[in-house]
Amino acid sequence: MMQSAMRLSSPRTLLSDTRGANLVEYIILVGVIALIAIAGFKAFGNNVRAKVDEQAGSVSGINGAAQ
């Protein structure tokens, strides 16, 4: 047990240890995608909301005419 603690504390071992590298890459990728999504929502949010409201009005108009 003492040898494993000493082995992990050596700088050479710490620099060559890549066990968490993939996780860090995925976290960075998710963060970049989230930033792009937020920017898209900020840029196009009002336009999309207007179109959705317009379509909702059309559907409710059709539904009201059928009754």
PDB file of N, CA and C in Angstrom:
ATOM      1  N   MET A   1       0.825  -1.181   0.000  1.00  0.00           N
ATOM      2  CA  MET A   1       0.000   0.000   0.000  1.00  0.00           C
ATOM      3  C   MET A   1       0.869   1.244   0.000  1.00  0.00           C
ATOM      4  N   MET A   2       1.944   1.206   0.723  1.00  0.00           N
ATOM      5  CA  MET A   2       2.840   2.357   0.792  1.00  0.00           C
ATOM      6  C   MET A   2       3.503   2.611  -0.558  1.00  0.00           C
ATOM      7  N   GLN A   3       3.801   1.559  -1.310  1.00  0.00           N
ATOM      8  CA  GLN A   3       4.431   1.732  -2.612  1.00  0.00           C
ATOM      9  C   GLN A   3       3.484   2.411  -3.592  1.00  0.00           C
ATOM     10  N   SER A   4       2.204   2.078  -3.567  1.00  0.00           N
ATOM     11  CA  SER A   4       1.269   2.705  -4.502  1.00  0.00           C
ATOM     12  C   SER A   4       1.117   4.185  -4.195  1.00  0.00           C
ATOM     13  N   ALA A   5       1.134   4.574  -2.935  1.00  0.00           N
ATOM     14  CA  ALA A   5       1.045   5.991  -2.578  1.00  0.00           C
ATOM     15  C   ALA A   5       2.293   6.726  -3.036  1.00  0.00           C
ATOM     16  N   MET A   6       3.424   6.100  -2.907  1.00  0.00           N
ATOM     17  CA  MET A   6       4.676   6.735  -3.344  1.00  0.00           C
ATOM     18  C   MET A   6       4.710   6.819  -4.863  1.00  0.00           C
ATOM     19  N   ARG A   7       4.196   5.808  -5.537  1.00  0.00           N
ATOM     20  CA  ARG A   7       4.222   5.788  -6.987  1.00  0.00           C
ATOM     21  C   ARG A   7       3.322   6.898  -7.556  1.00  0.00           C
ATOM     22  N   LEU A   8       2.167   7.129  -6.960  1.00  0.00           N
ATOM     23  CA  LEU A   8       1.251   8.160  -7.444  1.00  0.00           C
ATOM     24  C   LEU A   8       1.777   9.564  -7.184  1.00  0.00           C
ATOM     25  N   SER A   9       2.630   9.699  -6.188  1.00  0.00           N
ATOM     26  CA  SER A   9       3.116  11.029  -5.861  1.00  0.00           C
ATOM     27  C   SER A   9       4.308  11.454  -6.722  1.00  0.00           C
ATOM     28  N   SER A  10       4.850  10.564  -7.518  1.00  0.00           N
ATOM     29  CA  SER A  10       5.991  10.953  -8.338  1.00  0.00           C
ATOM     30  C   SER A  10       5.515  11.788  -9.523  1.00  0.00           C
ATOM     31  N   PRO A  11       6.184  12.886  -9.819  1.00  0.00           N
ATOM     32  CA  PRO A  11       5.746  13.767 -10.915  1.00  0.00           C
ATOM     33  C   PRO A  11       5.699  13.067 -12.264  1.00  0.00           C
ATOM     34  N   ARG A  12       6.605  12.165 -12.513  1.00  0.00           N
ATOM     35  CA  ARG A  12       6.628  11.457 -13.788  1.00  0.00           C
ATOM     36  C   ARG A  12       5.372  10.614 -13.963  1.00  0.00           C
ATOM     37  N   THR A  13       4.951   9.973 -12.895  1.00  0.00           N
ATOM     38  CA  THR A  13       3.747   9.155 -12.946  1.00  0.00           C
ATOM     39  C   THR A  13       2.513  10.023 -13.137  1.00  0.00           C
ATOM     40  N   LEU A  14       2.468  11.147 -12.445  1.00  0.00           N
ATOM     41  CA  LEU A  14       1.319  12.030 -12.580  1.00  0.00           C
ATOM     42  C   LEU A  14       1.214  12.609 -13.984  1.00  0.00           C
ATOM     43  N   LEU A  15       2.327  12.946 -14.594  1.00  0.00           N
ATOM     44  CA  LEU A  15       2.307  13.506 -15.940  1.00  0.00           C
ATOM     45  C   LEU A  15       1.934  12.480 -16.999  1.00  0.00           C
ATOM     46  N   SER A  16       2.273  11.224 -16.773  1.00  0.00           N
ATOM     47  CA  SER A  16       1.968  10.193 -17.770  1.00  0.00           C
ATOM     48  C   SER A  16       0.604   9.544 -17.544  1.00  0.00           C
ATOM     49  N   ASP A  17      -0.084   9.890 -16.452  1.00  0.00           N
ATOM     50  CA  ASP A  17      -1.393   9.307 -16.158  1.00  0.00           C
ATOM     51  C   ASP A  17      -2.459  10.025 -16.986  1.00  0.00           C
ATOM     52  N   THR A  18      -3.130   9.290 -17.876  1.00  0.00           N
ATOM     53  CA  THR A  18      -4.131   9.890 -18.766  1.00  0.00           C
ATOM     54  C   THR A  18      -5.521   9.299 -18.540  1.00  0.00           C
ATOM     55  N   ARG A  19      -5.771   8.767 -17.361  1.00  0.00           N
ATOM     56  CA  ARG A  19      -7.046   8.099 -17.113  1.00  0.00           C
ATOM     57  C   ARG A  19      -8.239   9.049 -17.209  1.00  0.00           C
ATOM     58  N   GLY A  20      -8.119  10.296 -16.846  1.00  0.00           N
ATOM     59  CA  GLY A  20      -9.240  11.213 -16.874  1.00  0.00           C
ATOM     60  C   GLY A  20      -9.290  12.106 -18.096  1.00  0.00           C
ATOM     61  N   ALA A  21      -8.418  11.883 -19.064  1.00  0.00           N
ATOM     62  CA  ALA A  21      -8.331  12.762 -20.229  1.00  0.00           C
ATOM     63  C   ALA A  21      -9.606  12.732 -21.067  1.00  0.00           C
ATOM     64  N   ASN A  22     -10.172  11.582 -21.292  1.00  0.00           N
ATOM     65  CA  ASN A  22     -11.393  11.488 -22.103  1.00  0.00           C
ATOM     66  C   ASN A  22     -12.557  12.207 -21.444  1.00  0.00           C
ATOM     67  N   LEU A  23     -12.679  12.080 -20.140  1.00  0.00           N
ATOM     68  CA  LEU A  23     -13.758  12.746 -19.422  1.00  0.00           C
ATOM     69  C   LEU A  23     -13.638  14.255 -19.552  1.00  0.00           C
ATOM     70  N   VAL A  24     -12.437  14.766 -19.429  1.00  0.00           N
ATOM     71  CA  VAL A  24     -12.219  16.210 -19.561  1.00  0.00           C
ATOM     72  C   VAL A  24     -12.572  16.672 -20.969  1.00  0.00           C
ATOM     73  N   GLU A  25     -12.214  15.903 -21.972  1.00  0.00           N
ATOM     74  CA  GLU A  25     -12.545  16.270 -23.351  1.00  0.00           C
ATOM     75  C   GLU A  25     -14.053  16.303 -23.560  1.00  0.00           C
ATOM     76  N   TYR A  26     -14.773  15.338 -23.015  1.00  0.00           N
ATOM     77  CA  TYR A  26     -16.228  15.320 -23.151  1.00  0.00           C
ATOM     78  C   TYR A  26     -16.866  16.497 -22.421  1.00  0.00           C
ATOM     79  N   ILE A  27     -16.345  16.842 -21.259  1.00  0.00           N
ATOM     80  CA  ILE A  27     -16.879  17.984 -20.515  1.00  0.00           C
ATOM     81  C   ILE A  27     -16.671  19.269 -21.299  1.00  0.00           C
ATOM     82  N   ILE A  28     -15.501  19.435 -21.893  1.00  0.00           N
ATOM     83  CA  ILE A  28     -15.233  20.623 -22.708  1.00  0.00           C
ATOM     84  C   ILE A  28     -16.170  20.652 -23.913  1.00  0.00           C
ATOM     85  N   LEU A  29     -16.370  19.518 -24.555  1.00  0.00           N
ATOM     86  CA  LEU A  29     -17.254  19.445 -25.714  1.00  0.00           C
ATOM     87  C   LEU A  29     -18.691  19.805 -25.338  1.00  0.00           C
ATOM     88  N   VAL A  30     -19.187  19.281 -24.233  1.00  0.00           N
ATOM     89  CA  VAL A  30     -20.539  19.606 -23.780  1.00  0.00           C
ATOM     90  C   VAL A  30     -20.643  21.093 -23.457  1.00  0.00           C
ATOM     91  N   GLY A  31     -19.621  21.657 -22.859  1.00  0.00           N
ATOM     92  CA  GLY A  31     -19.624  23.083 -22.552  1.00  0.00           C
ATOM     93  C   GLY A  31     -19.676  23.942 -23.801  1.00  0.00           C
ATOM     94  N   VAL A  32     -18.912  23.575 -24.817  1.00  0.00           N
ATOM     95  CA  VAL A  32     -18.912  24.338 -26.077  1.00  0.00           C
ATOM     96  C   VAL A  32     -20.279  24.236 -26.755  1.00  0.00           C
ATOM     97  N   ILE A  33     -20.862  23.050 -26.766  1.00  0.00           N
ATOM     98  CA  ILE A  33     -22.190  22.875 -27.364  1.00  0.00           C
ATOM     99  C   ILE A  33     -23.221  23.700 -26.603  1.00  0.00           C
ATOM    100  N   ALA A  34     -23.128  23.727 -25.288  1.00  0.00           N
ATOM    101  CA  ALA A  34     -24.060  24.527 -24.487  1.00  0.00           C
ATOM    102  C   ALA A  34     -23.914  26.011 -24.802  1.00  0.00           C
ATOM    103  N   LEU A  35     -22.686  26.490 -24.948  1.00  0.00           N
ATOM    104  CA  LEU A  35     -22.479  27.903 -25.290  1.00  0.00           C
ATOM    105  C   LEU A  35     -23.048  28.241 -26.662  1.00  0.00           C
ATOM    106  N   ILE A  36     -22.878  27.338 -27.619  1.00  0.00           N
ATOM    107  CA  ILE A  36     -23.427  27.560 -28.959  1.00  0.00           C
ATOM    108  C   ILE A  36     -24.950  27.572 -28.902  1.00  0.00           C
ATOM    109  N   ALA A  37     -25.546  26.665 -28.129  1.00  0.00           N
ATOM    110  CA  ALA A  37     -27.005  26.623 -28.001  1.00  0.00           C
ATOM    111  C   ALA A  37     -27.531  27.896 -27.344  1.00  0.00           C
ATOM    112  N   ILE A  38     -26.867  28.368 -26.312  1.00  0.00           N
ATOM    113  CA  ILE A  38     -27.292  29.601 -25.646  1.00  0.00           C
ATOM    114  C   ILE A  38     -27.201  30.787 -26.602  1.00  0.00           C
ATOM    115  N   ALA A  39     -26.117  30.858 -27.353  1.00  0.00           N
ATOM    116  CA  ALA A  39     -25.975  31.945 -28.327  1.00  0.00           C
ATOM    117  C   ALA A  39     -27.070  31.869 -29.391  1.00  0.00           C
ATOM    118  N   GLY A  40     -27.399  30.682 -29.831  1.00  0.00           N
ATOM    119  CA  GLY A  40     -28.470  30.509 -30.819  1.00  0.00           C
ATOM    120  C   GLY A  40     -29.821  30.919 -30.268  1.00  0.00           C
ATOM    121  N   PHE A  41     -30.088  30.548 -29.023  1.00  0.00           N
ATOM    122  CA  PHE A  41     -31.360  30.944 -28.413  1.00  0.00           C
ATOM    123  C   PHE A  41     -31.438  32.455 -28.240  1.00  0.00           C
ATOM    124  N   LYS A  42     -30.318  33.071 -27.889  1.00  0.00           N
ATOM    125  CA  LYS A  42     -30.313  34.531 -27.735  1.00  0.00           C
ATOM    126  C   LYS A  42     -30.532  35.214 -29.087  1.00  0.00           C
ATOM    127  N   ALA A  43     -29.905  34.696 -30.124  1.00  0.00           N
ATOM    128  CA  ALA A  43     -29.980  35.326 -31.441  1.00  0.00           C
ATOM    129  C   ALA A  43     -31.333  35.109 -32.113  1.00  0.00           C
ATOM    130  N   PHE A  44     -31.879  33.901 -32.008  1.00  0.00           N
ATOM    131  CA  PHE A  44     -33.084  33.555 -32.756  1.00  0.00           C
ATOM    132  C   PHE A  44     -34.304  33.338 -31.875  1.00  0.00           C
ATOM    133  N   GLY A  45     -34.199  33.561 -30.586  1.00  0.00           N
ATOM    134  CA  GLY A  45     -35.278  33.250 -29.660  1.00  0.00           C
ATOM    135  C   GLY A  45     -36.571  33.977 -29.959  1.00  0.00           C
ATOM    136  N   ASN A  46     -36.495  35.277 -30.214  1.00  0.00           N
ATOM    137  CA  ASN A  46     -37.717  36.044 -30.478  1.00  0.00           C
ATOM    138  C   ASN A  46     -38.368  35.628 -31.788  1.00  0.00           C
ATOM    139  N   ASN A  47     -37.570  35.373 -32.805  1.00  0.00           N
ATOM    140  CA  ASN A  47     -38.123  34.934 -34.095  1.00  0.00           C
ATOM    141  C   ASN A  47     -38.805  33.575 -33.964  1.00  0.00           C
ATOM    142  N   VAL A  48     -38.164  32.669 -33.266  1.00  0.00           N
ATOM    143  CA  VAL A  48     -38.745  31.335 -33.087  1.00  0.00           C
ATOM    144  C   VAL A  48     -40.027  31.431 -32.266  1.00  0.00           C
ATOM    145  N   ARG A  49     -40.014  32.226 -31.219  1.00  0.00           N
ATOM    146  CA  ARG A  49     -41.213  32.373 -30.388  1.00  0.00           C
ATOM    147  C   ARG A  49     -42.366  32.946 -31.215  1.00  0.00           C
ATOM    148  N   ALA A  50     -42.084  33.931 -32.066  1.00  0.00           N
ATOM    149  CA  ALA A  50     -43.136  34.512 -32.903  1.00  0.00           C
ATOM    150  C   ALA A  50     -43.711  33.473 -33.854  1.00  0.00           C
ATOM    151  N   LYS A  51     -42.859  32.662 -34.465  1.00  0.00           N
ATOM    152  CA  LYS A  51     -43.342  31.617 -35.379  1.00  0.00           C
ATOM    153  C   LYS A  51     -44.171  30.570 -34.642  1.00  0.00           C
ATOM    154  N   VAL A  52     -43.732  30.170 -33.456  1.00  0.00           N
ATOM    155  CA  VAL A  52     -44.481  29.178 -32.683  1.00  0.00           C
ATOM    156  C   VAL A  52     -45.839  29.741 -32.281  1.00  0.00           C
ATOM    157  N   ASP A  53     -45.867  31.000 -31.857  1.00  0.00           N
ATOM    158  CA  ASP A  53     -47.144  31.624 -31.499  1.00  0.00           C
ATOM    159  C   ASP A  53     -48.068  31.728 -32.718  1.00  0.00           C
ATOM    160  N   GLU A  54     -47.478  32.031 -33.864  1.00  0.00           N
ATOM    161  CA  GLU A  54     -48.271  32.118 -35.096  1.00  0.00           C
ATOM    162  C   GLU A  54     -48.891  30.771 -35.442  1.00  0.00           C
ATOM    163  N   GLN A  55     -48.095  29.718 -35.339  1.00  0.00           N
ATOM    164  CA  GLN A  55     -48.608  28.376 -35.641  1.00  0.00           C
ATOM    165  C   GLN A  55     -49.627  27.927 -34.603  1.00  0.00           C
ATOM    166  N   ALA A  56     -49.411  28.304 -33.352  1.00  0.00           N
ATOM    167  CA  ALA A  56     -50.379  27.953 -32.303  1.00  0.00           C
ATOM    168  C   ALA A  56     -51.713  28.636 -32.583  1.00  0.00           C
ATOM    169  N   GLY A  57     -51.661  29.878 -33.053  1.00  0.00           N
ATOM    170  CA  GLY A  57     -52.896  30.573 -33.409  1.00  0.00           C
ATOM    171  C   GLY A  57     -53.601  29.905 -34.563  1.00  0.00           C
ATOM    172  N   SER A  58     -52.828  29.425 -35.547  1.00  0.00           N
ATOM    173  CA  SER A  58     -53.422  28.743 -36.700  1.00  0.00           C
ATOM    174  C   SER A  58     -54.104  27.445 -36.271  1.00  0.00           C
ATOM    175  N   VAL A  59     -53.444  26.687 -35.413  1.00  0.00           N
ATOM    176  CA  VAL A  59     -54.011  25.415 -34.965  1.00  0.00           C
ATOM    177  C   VAL A  59     -55.247  25.664 -34.115  1.00  0.00           C
ATOM    178  N   SER A  60     -55.198  26.646 -33.245  1.00  0.00           N
ATOM    179  CA  SER A  60     -56.381  26.905 -32.416  1.00  0.00           C
ATOM    180  C   SER A  60     -57.530  27.442 -33.263  1.00  0.00           C
ATOM    181  N   GLY A  61     -57.224  28.167 -34.330  1.00  0.00           N
ATOM    182  CA  GLY A  61     -58.261  28.639 -35.253  1.00  0.00           C
ATOM    183  C   GLY A  61     -58.925  27.481 -35.985  1.00  0.00           C
ATOM    184  N   ILE A  62     -58.129  26.519 -36.400  1.00  0.00           N
ATOM    185  CA  ILE A  62     -58.666  25.327 -37.080  1.00  0.00           C
ATOM    186  C   ILE A  62     -59.497  24.511 -36.104  1.00  0.00           C
ATOM    187  N   ASN A  63     -59.006  24.369 -34.899  1.00  0.00           N
ATOM    188  CA  ASN A  63     -59.711  23.606 -33.876  1.00  0.00           C
ATOM    189  C   ASN A  63     -61.033  24.294 -33.531  1.00  0.00           C
ATOM    190  N   GLY A  64     -61.031  25.609 -33.449  1.00  0.00           N
ATOM    191  CA  GLY A  64     -62.260  26.342 -33.138  1.00  0.00           C
ATOM    192  C   GLY A  64     -63.273  26.250 -34.271  1.00  0.00           C
ATOM    193  N   ALA A  65     -62.807  26.225 -35.512  1.00  0.00           N
ATOM    194  CA  ALA A  65     -63.707  26.130 -36.658  1.00  0.00           C
ATOM    195  C   ALA A  65     -64.346  24.745 -36.743  1.00  0.00           C
ATOM    196  N   ALA A  66     -63.650  23.707 -36.265  1.00  0.00           N
ATOM    197  CA  ALA A  66     -64.160  22.346 -36.347  1.00  0.00           C
ATOM    198  C   ALA A  66     -65.244  22.101 -35.327  1.00  0.00           C
ATOM    199  N   GLN A  67     -65.258  22.857 -34.254  1.00  0.00           N
ATOM    200  CA  GLN A  67     -66.247  22.603 -33.208  1.00  0.00           C
ATOM    201  C   GLN A  67     -67.534  23.164 -33.535  1.00  0.00           C
TER     202      GLN A  67
END
